[in-house]
N, C-alpha and C. Protein backbone atom coordinates (compact mmCIF):
# COMPACT_ATOMS: atom_id res chain seq x y z
N MET A 1 124.51 118.30 94.07
CA MET A 1 123.75 117.23 93.43
C MET A 1 124.71 116.12 93.02
N ASP A 2 124.33 114.91 93.28
CA ASP A 2 125.19 113.76 93.02
C ASP A 2 124.90 113.20 91.62
N ASP A 3 125.95 112.88 90.87
CA ASP A 3 125.78 112.34 89.51
C ASP A 3 125.17 110.95 89.53
N ASP A 4 125.26 110.22 90.64
CA ASP A 4 124.71 108.87 90.71
C ASP A 4 123.19 108.87 90.66
N GLU A 5 122.56 109.96 91.08
CA GLU A 5 121.10 110.04 91.04
C GLU A 5 120.59 110.03 89.60
N ASP A 6 121.29 110.70 88.69
CA ASP A 6 120.88 110.76 87.30
C ASP A 6 121.18 109.46 86.57
N ALA A 7 122.15 108.68 87.04
CA ALA A 7 122.56 107.46 86.35
C ALA A 7 121.54 106.33 86.49
N ASP A 8 120.55 106.47 87.37
CA ASP A 8 119.56 105.41 87.56
C ASP A 8 118.69 105.21 86.33
N ASP A 9 118.48 106.26 85.54
CA ASP A 9 117.62 106.17 84.36
C ASP A 9 118.34 105.57 83.16
N GLU A 10 119.66 105.54 83.19
CA GLU A 10 120.43 105.05 82.06
C GLU A 10 120.70 103.55 82.20
N PRO A 11 120.78 102.84 81.07
CA PRO A 11 121.04 101.40 81.14
C PRO A 11 122.48 101.13 81.59
N THR A 12 122.66 100.02 82.26
CA THR A 12 124.00 99.63 82.68
C THR A 12 124.50 98.53 81.77
N GLY A 13 125.80 98.45 81.58
CA GLY A 13 126.37 97.42 80.73
C GLY A 13 126.27 97.78 79.26
N LEU A 14 126.51 96.79 78.42
CA LEU A 14 126.46 97.00 76.98
C LEU A 14 125.02 96.99 76.49
N HIS A 15 124.73 97.86 75.54
CA HIS A 15 123.40 97.88 74.93
C HIS A 15 123.53 98.38 73.50
N THR A 16 122.51 98.11 72.70
CA THR A 16 122.48 98.47 71.29
C THR A 16 121.28 99.36 71.04
N VAL A 17 121.46 100.40 70.23
CA VAL A 17 120.33 101.23 69.83
C VAL A 17 119.36 100.34 69.05
N CYS A 18 118.09 100.45 69.34
CA CYS A 18 117.08 99.61 68.69
C CYS A 18 117.07 99.88 67.19
N HIS A 19 117.12 98.82 66.40
CA HIS A 19 117.15 98.94 64.94
C HIS A 19 115.76 99.27 64.38
N ALA A 20 114.71 98.90 65.08
CA ALA A 20 113.36 99.12 64.57
C ALA A 20 112.93 100.58 64.69
N CYS A 21 113.25 101.22 65.81
CA CYS A 21 112.80 102.60 66.03
C CYS A 21 113.94 103.61 65.98
N SER A 22 115.15 103.16 65.71
CA SER A 22 116.35 104.02 65.66
C SER A 22 116.59 104.77 66.96
N GLY A 23 116.19 104.17 68.06
CA GLY A 23 116.45 104.77 69.37
C GLY A 23 115.38 105.73 69.86
N ALA A 24 114.35 105.96 69.08
CA ALA A 24 113.29 106.90 69.48
C ALA A 24 112.33 106.29 70.49
N GLY A 25 112.19 104.96 70.49
CA GLY A 25 111.27 104.30 71.40
C GLY A 25 109.83 104.27 70.90
N MET A 26 109.57 104.89 69.75
CA MET A 26 108.22 104.93 69.18
C MET A 26 108.26 104.46 67.73
N MET A 27 107.22 103.76 67.32
CA MET A 27 107.07 103.30 65.94
C MET A 27 105.95 104.11 65.29
N PRO A 28 106.04 104.35 63.98
CA PRO A 28 104.95 105.05 63.29
C PRO A 28 103.67 104.21 63.32
N ASP A 29 102.56 104.88 63.48
CA ASP A 29 101.26 104.22 63.50
C ASP A 29 100.25 105.15 62.82
N PRO A 30 100.36 105.29 61.48
CA PRO A 30 99.50 106.25 60.78
C PRO A 30 98.03 105.81 60.78
N LYS A 31 97.16 106.79 60.90
CA LYS A 31 95.71 106.57 60.88
C LYS A 31 95.08 107.60 59.96
N CYS A 32 93.98 107.22 59.35
CA CYS A 32 93.21 108.14 58.52
C CYS A 32 92.28 108.94 59.44
N ALA A 33 92.21 110.25 59.22
CA ALA A 33 91.36 111.10 60.03
C ALA A 33 90.73 112.17 59.14
N ILE A 34 89.58 112.65 59.56
CA ILE A 34 88.91 113.76 58.87
C ILE A 34 89.12 114.99 59.75
N ILE A 35 89.91 115.94 59.23
CA ILE A 35 90.21 117.16 59.98
C ILE A 35 89.71 118.33 59.15
N ALA A 36 88.80 119.10 59.73
CA ALA A 36 88.18 120.26 59.05
C ALA A 36 87.57 119.84 57.72
N GLY A 37 86.96 118.65 57.69
CA GLY A 37 86.29 118.18 56.49
C GLY A 37 87.20 117.61 55.42
N GLN A 38 88.50 117.55 55.68
CA GLN A 38 89.46 117.04 54.71
C GLN A 38 90.09 115.74 55.24
N PRO A 39 90.18 114.72 54.38
CA PRO A 39 90.86 113.49 54.83
C PRO A 39 92.36 113.73 54.94
N ARG A 40 92.92 113.32 56.07
CA ARG A 40 94.34 113.49 56.32
C ARG A 40 94.88 112.27 57.05
N THR A 41 96.19 112.13 57.02
CA THR A 41 96.85 111.06 57.75
C THR A 41 97.51 111.66 58.99
N ILE A 42 97.22 111.09 60.15
CA ILE A 42 97.88 111.52 61.38
C ILE A 42 98.72 110.36 61.89
N ASP A 43 99.75 110.69 62.64
CA ASP A 43 100.65 109.66 63.16
C ASP A 43 100.94 109.96 64.62
N ASN A 44 100.21 109.32 65.50
CA ASN A 44 100.43 109.50 66.93
C ASN A 44 101.60 108.66 67.43
N GLY A 45 101.91 107.60 66.72
CA GLY A 45 102.98 106.70 67.14
C GLY A 45 102.50 105.74 68.21
N ARG A 46 103.29 104.71 68.42
CA ARG A 46 103.01 103.73 69.47
C ARG A 46 104.35 103.22 69.98
N PRO A 47 104.40 102.72 71.20
CA PRO A 47 105.68 102.23 71.74
C PRO A 47 106.24 101.11 70.87
N CYS A 48 107.54 101.11 70.69
CA CYS A 48 108.22 100.09 69.89
C CYS A 48 108.10 98.74 70.58
N THR A 49 107.72 97.72 69.82
CA THR A 49 107.57 96.39 70.41
C THR A 49 108.91 95.67 70.55
N TRP A 50 109.92 96.07 69.81
CA TRP A 50 111.24 95.43 69.91
C TRP A 50 111.93 95.80 71.20
N CYS A 51 111.89 97.09 71.54
CA CYS A 51 112.63 97.56 72.71
C CYS A 51 111.70 97.98 73.86
N GLU A 52 110.39 97.81 73.68
CA GLU A 52 109.37 98.15 74.68
C GLU A 52 109.41 99.62 75.06
N GLY A 53 109.74 100.48 74.08
CA GLY A 53 109.71 101.92 74.30
C GLY A 53 110.96 102.51 74.94
N ARG A 54 111.99 101.70 75.17
CA ARG A 54 113.22 102.19 75.81
C ARG A 54 114.15 102.87 74.81
N GLY A 55 114.17 102.41 73.56
CA GLY A 55 115.07 102.97 72.56
C GLY A 55 116.37 102.20 72.43
N TYR A 56 116.59 101.22 73.29
CA TYR A 56 117.79 100.40 73.22
C TYR A 56 117.43 98.96 73.55
N ARG A 57 118.32 98.05 73.16
CA ARG A 57 118.16 96.63 73.48
C ARG A 57 119.36 96.20 74.29
N HIS A 58 119.16 95.34 75.25
CA HIS A 58 120.24 94.88 76.12
C HIS A 58 121.23 94.03 75.35
N GLY A 59 122.48 94.23 75.61
CA GLY A 59 123.53 93.45 74.96
C GLY A 59 123.88 93.99 73.59
N LEU A 60 124.81 93.33 72.94
CA LEU A 60 125.21 93.70 71.59
C LEU A 60 124.39 92.88 70.61
N VAL A 61 123.47 93.55 69.92
CA VAL A 61 122.55 92.88 69.01
C VAL A 61 122.87 93.34 67.59
N PRO A 62 123.41 92.46 66.74
CA PRO A 62 123.70 92.87 65.36
C PRO A 62 122.40 93.07 64.58
N PRO A 63 122.42 93.95 63.57
CA PRO A 63 121.21 94.13 62.75
C PRO A 63 120.89 92.85 61.99
N VAL A 64 119.62 92.57 61.86
CA VAL A 64 119.19 91.35 61.18
C VAL A 64 118.55 91.73 59.86
C-alpha cells in the first residue's frame, strides 16, 4: 500500500486548527426535546461555518 493514497485526504501546505470548533468540524446546536415525557436538551451538532466542517483553515490564521 502506498502512503501517497492516504495523503489525499490531508490538507497540503500551512493550515491552522479552526478556532471556532477546535478542530472537530462541528459546532454545538442544542435543541429542546421531549424524551419519555421529560423535557431535555439534545445536541446533534452542525457543520462549522468557519471551516466548513473540515476542522482546519487554510494558511496561518491568528486567533481573533
